[in-house]
């Protein structure tokens, strides 16, 4: 058995098997967070986030990866910042003829409410969701993004 101590000096015991299982599942089952329940840390799925798959320009995705590395964050947190800014302005100027030709499939998680708002916004503007996502890249505010450790927060 392994003993881990969190910042609150609560000892948590995990069997090695369980830790390996959770480490494997972190990569494919969405975002997790930790909750302090009865003095113990419990790993929980973040219910406010949903998986979403779309197609995005490979070139733009590579730019986002570099920016995420520079800012110590994840690509989806960058995208969420841009989407929030586009939605708050309520205006989108998009030329359908300028859609990138290098789109590739991209899967990640988004805030559930934000994604629903993006879907409605795209529909009302007669666009695809990936058009809105790509458009939002130019509106990312790096001062208001979550850092990479956010998904491992303790609530």
N, C-alpha and C. Protein backbone atom coordinates (compact mmCIF):
# COMPACT_ATOMS: atom_id res chain seq x y z
N UNK A 1 0.84 -1.18 0.00
CA UNK A 1 0.00 0.00 0.00
C UNK A 1 0.88 1.24 0.00
N UNK A 2 0.38 2.28 -0.62
CA UNK A 2 1.09 3.54 -0.68
C UNK A 2 0.36 4.55 0.18
N UNK A 3 1.07 5.40 0.84
CA UNK A 3 0.47 6.45 1.65
C UNK A 3 0.77 7.78 0.99
N UNK A 4 -0.26 8.60 0.79
CA UNK A 4 -0.08 9.92 0.20
C UNK A 4 -0.63 10.93 1.19
N UNK A 5 -0.01 12.09 1.26
CA UNK A 5 -0.49 13.14 2.14
C UNK A 5 -0.84 14.35 1.30
N UNK A 6 -2.06 14.89 1.49
CA UNK A 6 -2.43 16.09 0.75
C UNK A 6 -2.04 17.32 1.54
N UNK A 7 -2.38 18.50 1.04
CA UNK A 7 -1.99 19.75 1.68
C UNK A 7 -2.63 19.90 3.06
N UNK A 8 -3.72 19.19 3.33
CA UNK A 8 -4.40 19.29 4.62
C UNK A 8 -3.94 18.21 5.59
N UNK A 9 -2.86 17.51 5.27
CA UNK A 9 -2.31 16.44 6.10
C UNK A 9 -3.30 15.30 6.32
N UNK A 10 -4.21 15.10 5.39
CA UNK A 10 -5.11 13.94 5.46
C UNK A 10 -4.41 12.79 4.76
N UNK A 11 -4.24 11.69 5.47
CA UNK A 11 -3.59 10.54 4.84
C UNK A 11 -4.61 9.75 4.05
N UNK A 12 -4.23 9.39 2.86
CA UNK A 12 -5.09 8.62 1.97
C UNK A 12 -4.31 7.38 1.55
N UNK A 13 -4.96 6.24 1.65
CA UNK A 13 -4.30 5.00 1.27
C UNK A 13 -4.93 4.45 0.01
N UNK A 14 -4.10 4.12 -0.92
CA UNK A 14 -4.56 3.53 -2.17
C UNK A 14 -3.76 2.26 -2.44
N UNK A 15 -4.41 1.27 -2.92
CA UNK A 15 -3.68 0.10 -3.38
C UNK A 15 -3.05 0.44 -4.72
N UNK A 16 -1.92 -0.15 -4.97
CA UNK A 16 -1.20 0.13 -6.20
C UNK A 16 -2.08 -0.13 -7.42
N UNK A 17 -2.88 -1.19 -7.39
CA UNK A 17 -3.76 -1.50 -8.52
C UNK A 17 -4.71 -0.35 -8.81
N UNK A 18 -5.30 0.19 -7.77
CA UNK A 18 -6.28 1.24 -7.95
C UNK A 18 -5.63 2.48 -8.55
N UNK A 19 -4.43 2.80 -8.10
CA UNK A 19 -3.73 3.95 -8.66
C UNK A 19 -3.44 3.75 -10.14
N UNK A 20 -2.99 2.56 -10.50
CA UNK A 20 -2.72 2.29 -11.90
C UNK A 20 -3.99 2.37 -12.72
N UNK A 21 -5.07 1.86 -12.19
CA UNK A 21 -6.36 1.90 -12.90
C UNK A 21 -6.77 3.35 -13.14
N UNK A 22 -6.65 4.19 -12.11
CA UNK A 22 -7.04 5.58 -12.26
C UNK A 22 -6.10 6.34 -13.18
N UNK A 23 -4.83 6.05 -13.14
CA UNK A 23 -3.90 6.71 -14.04
C UNK A 23 -4.24 6.38 -15.49
N UNK A 24 -4.59 5.14 -15.77
CA UNK A 24 -4.98 4.76 -17.12
C UNK A 24 -6.28 5.44 -17.52
N UNK A 25 -7.24 5.51 -16.60
CA UNK A 25 -8.54 6.05 -16.95
C UNK A 25 -8.52 7.57 -17.09
N UNK A 26 -7.56 8.25 -16.49
CA UNK A 26 -7.50 9.70 -16.61
C UNK A 26 -7.34 10.13 -18.06
N UNK A 27 -6.69 9.31 -18.84
CA UNK A 27 -6.42 9.68 -20.22
C UNK A 27 -7.61 9.49 -21.15
N UNK A 28 -8.63 8.75 -20.73
CA UNK A 28 -9.71 8.47 -21.68
C UNK A 28 -11.11 8.65 -21.13
N UNK A 29 -11.27 9.09 -19.92
CA UNK A 29 -12.62 9.20 -19.38
C UNK A 29 -12.98 10.61 -18.94
N UNK A 30 -12.36 11.63 -19.49
CA UNK A 30 -12.77 12.98 -19.18
C UNK A 30 -11.99 13.61 -18.05
N UNK A 31 -12.56 14.67 -17.52
CA UNK A 31 -11.89 15.44 -16.47
C UNK A 31 -12.27 14.93 -15.10
N UNK A 32 -11.29 14.95 -14.22
CA UNK A 32 -11.50 14.52 -12.85
C UNK A 32 -11.12 15.66 -11.92
N UNK A 33 -11.65 15.61 -10.75
CA UNK A 33 -11.26 16.53 -9.70
C UNK A 33 -11.28 15.75 -8.40
N UNK A 34 -10.82 16.36 -7.35
CA UNK A 34 -10.80 15.72 -6.04
C UNK A 34 -11.75 16.45 -5.13
N UNK A 35 -12.49 15.72 -4.33
CA UNK A 35 -13.37 16.31 -3.32
C UNK A 35 -12.95 15.80 -1.96
N UNK A 36 -12.95 16.70 -1.00
CA UNK A 36 -12.63 16.34 0.37
C UNK A 36 -13.94 15.94 1.05
N UNK A 37 -14.09 14.65 1.31
CA UNK A 37 -15.31 14.11 1.91
C UNK A 37 -14.93 13.38 3.18
N UNK A 38 -15.47 13.84 4.30
CA UNK A 38 -15.18 13.24 5.60
C UNK A 38 -13.68 13.12 5.86
N UNK A 39 -12.93 14.15 5.49
CA UNK A 39 -11.50 14.15 5.75
C UNK A 39 -10.68 13.33 4.78
N UNK A 40 -11.31 12.78 3.76
CA UNK A 40 -10.59 11.97 2.78
C UNK A 40 -10.76 12.56 1.39
N UNK A 41 -9.71 12.47 0.59
CA UNK A 41 -9.80 12.91 -0.80
C UNK A 41 -10.39 11.79 -1.65
N UNK A 42 -11.40 12.14 -2.42
CA UNK A 42 -12.06 11.17 -3.29
C UNK A 42 -12.02 11.73 -4.71
N UNK A 43 -11.56 10.89 -5.64
CA UNK A 43 -11.51 11.32 -7.04
C UNK A 43 -12.91 11.22 -7.63
N UNK A 44 -13.35 12.30 -8.26
CA UNK A 44 -14.70 12.37 -8.81
C UNK A 44 -14.63 12.86 -10.27
N UNK A 45 -15.60 12.44 -11.06
CA UNK A 45 -15.73 12.96 -12.41
C UNK A 45 -16.32 14.36 -12.32
N UNK A 46 -15.79 15.28 -13.09
CA UNK A 46 -16.30 16.65 -13.12
C UNK A 46 -17.54 16.64 -14.01
N UNK A 47 -18.71 16.66 -13.40
CA UNK A 47 -19.98 16.57 -14.12
C UNK A 47 -20.30 17.80 -14.96
N UNK A 48 -19.57 18.89 -14.74
CA UNK A 48 -19.84 20.11 -15.50
C UNK A 48 -19.18 20.09 -16.87
N UNK A 49 -18.45 19.01 -17.17
CA UNK A 49 -17.73 18.92 -18.44
C UNK A 49 -18.26 17.76 -19.27
N UNK A 50 -18.24 17.94 -20.59
CA UNK A 50 -18.70 16.89 -21.50
C UNK A 50 -17.68 16.70 -22.61
N UNK A 51 -17.61 15.48 -23.10
CA UNK A 51 -16.73 15.18 -24.24
C UNK A 51 -17.39 15.70 -25.51
N UNK A 52 -16.56 16.16 -26.43
CA UNK A 52 -17.09 16.62 -27.72
C UNK A 52 -16.03 16.40 -28.78
N UNK A 53 -16.48 15.90 -29.92
CA UNK A 53 -15.58 15.63 -31.04
C UNK A 53 -15.98 16.52 -32.21
N UNK A 54 -15.00 17.15 -32.82
CA UNK A 54 -15.26 17.99 -33.99
C UNK A 54 -14.04 17.96 -34.90
N UNK A 55 -14.09 18.69 -35.97
CA UNK A 55 -12.96 18.81 -36.88
C UNK A 55 -12.44 20.24 -36.84
N UNK A 56 -11.12 20.36 -36.64
CA UNK A 56 -10.48 21.67 -36.53
C UNK A 56 -9.24 21.68 -37.41
N UNK A 57 -8.89 22.85 -37.89
CA UNK A 57 -7.69 23.01 -38.71
C UNK A 57 -6.46 22.48 -37.97
N UNK A 58 -5.72 21.62 -38.65
CA UNK A 58 -4.51 21.05 -38.06
C UNK A 58 -3.50 22.16 -37.75
N UNK A 59 -3.39 23.13 -38.62
CA UNK A 59 -2.46 24.24 -38.42
C UNK A 59 -2.84 25.03 -37.17
N UNK A 60 -4.12 25.34 -37.03
CA UNK A 60 -4.57 26.10 -35.85
C UNK A 60 -4.40 25.27 -34.58
N UNK A 61 -4.62 23.98 -34.67
CA UNK A 61 -4.46 23.10 -33.52
C UNK A 61 -2.99 23.08 -33.05
N UNK A 62 -2.07 23.05 -34.00
CA UNK A 62 -0.65 23.09 -33.65
C UNK A 62 -0.28 24.43 -33.01
N UNK A 63 -0.86 25.53 -33.49
CA UNK A 63 -0.63 26.84 -32.88
C UNK A 63 -1.16 26.85 -31.45
N UNK A 64 -2.34 26.26 -31.25
CA UNK A 64 -2.94 26.20 -29.92
C UNK A 64 -2.08 25.36 -28.98
N UNK A 65 -1.52 24.27 -29.49
CA UNK A 65 -0.67 23.42 -28.65
C UNK A 65 0.54 24.19 -28.16
N UNK A 66 1.17 24.95 -29.05
CA UNK A 66 2.32 25.77 -28.65
C UNK A 66 1.92 26.82 -27.61
N UNK A 67 0.78 27.47 -27.83
CA UNK A 67 0.31 28.49 -26.90
C UNK A 67 -0.02 27.86 -25.54
N UNK A 68 -0.65 26.69 -25.56
CA UNK A 68 -0.99 25.99 -24.32
C UNK A 68 0.28 25.65 -23.54
N UNK A 69 1.31 25.18 -24.23
CA UNK A 69 2.58 24.87 -23.57
C UNK A 69 3.20 26.13 -22.96
N UNK A 70 3.15 27.23 -23.69
CA UNK A 70 3.71 28.49 -23.20
C UNK A 70 2.95 29.00 -21.97
N UNK A 71 1.65 28.79 -21.95
CA UNK A 71 0.80 29.34 -20.89
C UNK A 71 0.52 28.33 -19.77
N UNK A 72 1.11 27.13 -19.83
CA UNK A 72 0.89 26.09 -18.83
C UNK A 72 -0.61 25.79 -18.67
N UNK A 73 -1.24 25.47 -19.79
CA UNK A 73 -2.67 25.16 -19.79
C UNK A 73 -2.95 24.08 -20.82
N UNK A 74 -4.21 23.82 -21.07
CA UNK A 74 -4.62 22.83 -22.06
C UNK A 74 -5.34 23.53 -23.21
N UNK A 75 -5.34 22.90 -24.36
CA UNK A 75 -5.97 23.49 -25.55
C UNK A 75 -7.44 23.80 -25.30
N UNK A 76 -8.16 22.88 -24.64
CA UNK A 76 -9.59 23.12 -24.45
C UNK A 76 -9.85 24.33 -23.56
N UNK A 77 -8.97 24.63 -22.60
CA UNK A 77 -9.14 25.82 -21.78
C UNK A 77 -8.93 27.09 -22.62
N UNK A 78 -8.00 27.03 -23.56
CA UNK A 78 -7.80 28.16 -24.48
C UNK A 78 -9.05 28.36 -25.33
N UNK A 79 -9.54 27.27 -25.89
CA UNK A 79 -10.73 27.36 -26.74
C UNK A 79 -11.93 27.91 -25.96
N UNK A 80 -12.08 27.47 -24.73
CA UNK A 80 -13.20 27.95 -23.92
C UNK A 80 -13.12 29.46 -23.71
N UNK A 81 -11.92 29.98 -23.50
CA UNK A 81 -11.74 31.42 -23.34
C UNK A 81 -12.20 32.16 -24.59
N UNK A 82 -11.76 31.70 -25.74
CA UNK A 82 -12.16 32.32 -27.00
C UNK A 82 -13.66 32.22 -27.25
N UNK A 83 -14.22 31.05 -26.96
CA UNK A 83 -15.67 30.86 -27.16
C UNK A 83 -16.47 31.79 -26.25
N UNK A 84 -16.05 31.91 -25.00
CA UNK A 84 -16.76 32.81 -24.06
C UNK A 84 -16.74 34.24 -24.57
N UNK A 85 -15.60 34.67 -25.12
CA UNK A 85 -15.49 36.03 -25.64
C UNK A 85 -16.35 36.25 -26.88
N UNK A 86 -16.40 35.27 -27.76
CA UNK A 86 -17.23 35.38 -28.96
C UNK A 86 -18.71 35.42 -28.56
N UNK A 87 -19.10 34.53 -27.66
CA UNK A 87 -20.50 34.50 -27.23
C UNK A 87 -20.89 35.80 -26.52
N UNK A 88 -20.00 36.34 -25.71
CA UNK A 88 -20.34 37.57 -24.98
C UNK A 88 -20.49 38.76 -25.93
N UNK A 89 -19.75 38.74 -27.05
CA UNK A 89 -19.91 39.82 -28.03
C UNK A 89 -21.20 39.63 -28.83
N UNK A 90 -21.58 38.37 -29.03
CA UNK A 90 -22.80 38.07 -29.77
C UNK A 90 -22.68 38.27 -31.27
N UNK A 91 -21.47 38.57 -31.74
CA UNK A 91 -21.26 38.86 -33.16
C UNK A 91 -20.21 37.91 -33.72
N UNK A 92 -20.50 37.42 -34.92
CA UNK A 92 -19.52 36.59 -35.63
C UNK A 92 -19.54 36.98 -37.10
N UNK A 93 -18.37 37.22 -37.63
CA UNK A 93 -18.23 37.54 -39.05
C UNK A 93 -17.40 36.41 -39.65
N UNK A 94 -18.06 35.51 -40.34
CA UNK A 94 -17.38 34.32 -40.82
C UNK A 94 -17.65 34.13 -42.30
N UNK A 95 -16.59 33.95 -43.07
CA UNK A 95 -16.70 33.71 -44.50
C UNK A 95 -16.61 32.20 -44.73
N UNK A 96 -17.71 31.61 -45.13
CA UNK A 96 -17.75 30.15 -45.31
C UNK A 96 -16.77 29.67 -46.39
N UNK A 97 -16.42 30.54 -47.31
CA UNK A 97 -15.48 30.16 -48.36
C UNK A 97 -14.04 30.06 -47.84
N UNK A 98 -13.78 30.62 -46.66
CA UNK A 98 -12.42 30.60 -46.13
C UNK A 98 -12.19 29.46 -45.15
N UNK A 99 -13.08 28.48 -45.15
CA UNK A 99 -12.89 27.33 -44.25
C UNK A 99 -11.57 26.63 -44.58
N UNK A 100 -10.83 26.25 -43.54
CA UNK A 100 -9.54 25.58 -43.78
C UNK A 100 -9.73 24.22 -44.47
N UNK A 101 -8.76 23.86 -45.23
CA UNK A 101 -8.81 22.57 -45.95
C UNK A 101 -8.05 21.48 -45.20
N UNK A 102 -7.42 21.84 -44.08
CA UNK A 102 -6.58 20.87 -43.36
C UNK A 102 -7.22 20.40 -42.05
N UNK A 103 -8.53 20.34 -42.02
CA UNK A 103 -9.21 19.96 -40.78
C UNK A 103 -8.97 18.49 -40.43
N UNK A 104 -8.75 18.28 -39.14
CA UNK A 104 -8.60 16.92 -38.61
C UNK A 104 -9.53 16.77 -37.42
N UNK A 105 -9.80 15.52 -37.08
CA UNK A 105 -10.69 15.26 -35.94
C UNK A 105 -9.98 15.62 -34.64
N UNK A 106 -10.73 16.28 -33.76
CA UNK A 106 -10.19 16.69 -32.47
C UNK A 106 -11.23 16.40 -31.40
N UNK A 107 -10.80 15.63 -30.37
CA UNK A 107 -11.70 15.28 -29.27
C UNK A 107 -11.17 15.89 -27.98
N UNK A 108 -12.06 16.50 -27.22
CA UNK A 108 -11.68 17.05 -25.92
C UNK A 108 -12.93 17.23 -25.08
N UNK A 109 -12.79 17.86 -23.93
CA UNK A 109 -13.95 18.14 -23.09
C UNK A 109 -14.14 19.65 -23.00
N UNK A 110 -15.39 20.03 -22.85
CA UNK A 110 -15.76 21.43 -22.71
C UNK A 110 -16.72 21.56 -21.54
N UNK A 111 -16.84 22.78 -21.04
CA UNK A 111 -17.87 23.08 -20.06
C UNK A 111 -19.22 22.82 -20.73
N UNK A 112 -20.07 22.05 -20.05
CA UNK A 112 -21.35 21.62 -20.62
C UNK A 112 -22.22 22.80 -21.04
N UNK A 113 -22.36 23.79 -20.17
CA UNK A 113 -23.21 24.95 -20.47
C UNK A 113 -22.65 25.78 -21.61
N UNK A 114 -21.33 25.94 -21.62
CA UNK A 114 -20.69 26.69 -22.70
C UNK A 114 -20.91 26.00 -24.04
N UNK A 115 -20.75 24.69 -24.08
CA UNK A 115 -20.93 23.96 -25.34
C UNK A 115 -22.37 24.07 -25.83
N UNK A 116 -23.34 24.00 -24.94
CA UNK A 116 -24.75 24.17 -25.34
C UNK A 116 -24.97 25.55 -25.93
N UNK A 117 -24.39 26.58 -25.31
CA UNK A 117 -24.52 27.94 -25.81
C UNK A 117 -23.87 28.08 -27.19
N UNK A 118 -22.73 27.42 -27.39
CA UNK A 118 -22.04 27.46 -28.69
C UNK A 118 -22.90 26.79 -29.75
N UNK A 119 -23.53 25.68 -29.41
CA UNK A 119 -24.40 24.98 -30.37
C UNK A 119 -25.54 25.88 -30.81
N UNK A 120 -26.18 26.56 -29.87
CA UNK A 120 -27.29 27.47 -30.20
C UNK A 120 -26.80 28.64 -31.03
N UNK A 121 -25.64 29.18 -30.65
CA UNK A 121 -25.06 30.31 -31.36
C UNK A 121 -24.75 29.93 -32.81
N UNK A 122 -24.15 28.77 -32.99
CA UNK A 122 -23.82 28.29 -34.34
C UNK A 122 -25.09 28.11 -35.17
N UNK A 123 -26.09 27.52 -34.58
CA UNK A 123 -27.34 27.29 -35.30
C UNK A 123 -28.01 28.60 -35.68
N UNK A 124 -28.04 29.55 -34.76
CA UNK A 124 -28.69 30.84 -35.06
C UNK A 124 -27.94 31.64 -36.12
N UNK A 125 -26.64 31.37 -36.27
CA UNK A 125 -25.84 32.05 -37.29
C UNK A 125 -25.63 31.19 -38.53
N UNK A 126 -26.33 30.06 -38.60
CA UNK A 126 -26.26 29.15 -39.74
C UNK A 126 -24.83 28.72 -40.05
N UNK A 127 -24.12 28.33 -38.97
CA UNK A 127 -22.74 27.86 -39.08
C UNK A 127 -22.62 26.50 -38.43
N UNK A 128 -21.51 25.84 -38.69
CA UNK A 128 -21.19 24.61 -37.98
C UNK A 128 -20.46 24.96 -36.69
N UNK A 129 -20.53 24.08 -35.72
CA UNK A 129 -19.88 24.32 -34.44
C UNK A 129 -18.37 24.49 -34.63
N UNK A 130 -17.78 23.68 -35.51
CA UNK A 130 -16.33 23.80 -35.71
C UNK A 130 -15.96 25.16 -36.32
N UNK A 131 -16.86 25.75 -37.09
CA UNK A 131 -16.60 27.10 -37.61
C UNK A 131 -16.49 28.10 -36.46
N UNK A 132 -17.41 27.99 -35.50
CA UNK A 132 -17.41 28.90 -34.35
C UNK A 132 -16.17 28.66 -33.49
N UNK A 133 -15.81 27.40 -33.30
CA UNK A 133 -14.63 27.07 -32.50
C UNK A 133 -13.37 27.66 -33.16
N UNK A 134 -13.21 27.45 -34.46
CA UNK A 134 -12.03 27.99 -35.16
C UNK A 134 -12.02 29.52 -35.13
N UNK A 135 -13.16 30.12 -35.32
CA UNK A 135 -13.27 31.58 -35.28
C UNK A 135 -12.85 32.12 -33.92
N UNK A 136 -13.23 31.40 -32.86
CA UNK A 136 -12.98 31.87 -31.49
C UNK A 136 -11.50 31.88 -31.13
N UNK A 137 -10.67 31.19 -31.88
CA UNK A 137 -9.24 31.12 -31.58
C UNK A 137 -8.63 32.52 -31.56
N UNK A 138 -9.12 33.42 -32.40
CA UNK A 138 -8.59 34.78 -32.45
C UNK A 138 -9.04 35.64 -31.27
N UNK A 139 -9.90 35.10 -30.41
CA UNK A 139 -10.45 35.87 -29.29
C UNK A 139 -10.06 35.30 -27.93
N UNK A 140 -9.01 34.49 -27.90
CA UNK A 140 -8.53 33.90 -26.65
C UNK A 140 -7.88 34.98 -25.79
N UNK A 141 -8.27 35.02 -24.53
CA UNK A 141 -7.69 35.95 -23.57
C UNK A 141 -6.83 35.13 -22.60
N UNK A 142 -5.51 35.16 -22.79
CA UNK A 142 -4.61 34.33 -21.98
C UNK A 142 -4.58 34.77 -20.52
N UNK A 143 -5.08 35.96 -20.23
CA UNK A 143 -5.13 36.43 -18.84
C UNK A 143 -6.25 35.76 -18.05
N UNK A 144 -7.21 35.16 -18.74
CA UNK A 144 -8.38 34.59 -18.06
C UNK A 144 -8.55 33.09 -18.31
N UNK A 145 -7.47 32.38 -18.55
CA UNK A 145 -7.58 30.94 -18.80
C UNK A 145 -7.24 30.16 -17.54
N UNK A 146 -7.77 28.94 -17.49
CA UNK A 146 -7.47 28.04 -16.38
C UNK A 146 -6.08 27.45 -16.62
N UNK A 147 -5.35 27.18 -15.54
CA UNK A 147 -4.04 26.57 -15.73
C UNK A 147 -4.17 25.05 -15.85
N UNK A 148 -3.09 24.40 -16.21
CA UNK A 148 -3.12 22.96 -16.47
C UNK A 148 -3.56 22.15 -15.26
N UNK A 149 -3.28 22.63 -14.06
CA UNK A 149 -3.63 21.89 -12.85
C UNK A 149 -5.08 22.02 -12.43
N UNK A 150 -5.86 22.81 -13.13
CA UNK A 150 -7.25 23.06 -12.74
C UNK A 150 -8.06 21.78 -12.66
N UNK A 151 -7.84 20.87 -13.59
CA UNK A 151 -8.64 19.64 -13.58
C UNK A 151 -8.30 18.72 -12.43
N UNK A 152 -7.23 18.99 -11.71
CA UNK A 152 -6.85 18.18 -10.57
C UNK A 152 -7.12 18.92 -9.26
N UNK A 153 -8.02 19.88 -9.30
CA UNK A 153 -8.30 20.71 -8.14
C UNK A 153 -9.00 19.91 -7.03
N UNK A 154 -8.93 20.46 -5.84
CA UNK A 154 -9.63 19.88 -4.70
C UNK A 154 -10.77 20.83 -4.35
N UNK A 155 -11.96 20.29 -4.29
CA UNK A 155 -13.14 21.12 -3.93
C UNK A 155 -13.69 20.68 -2.61
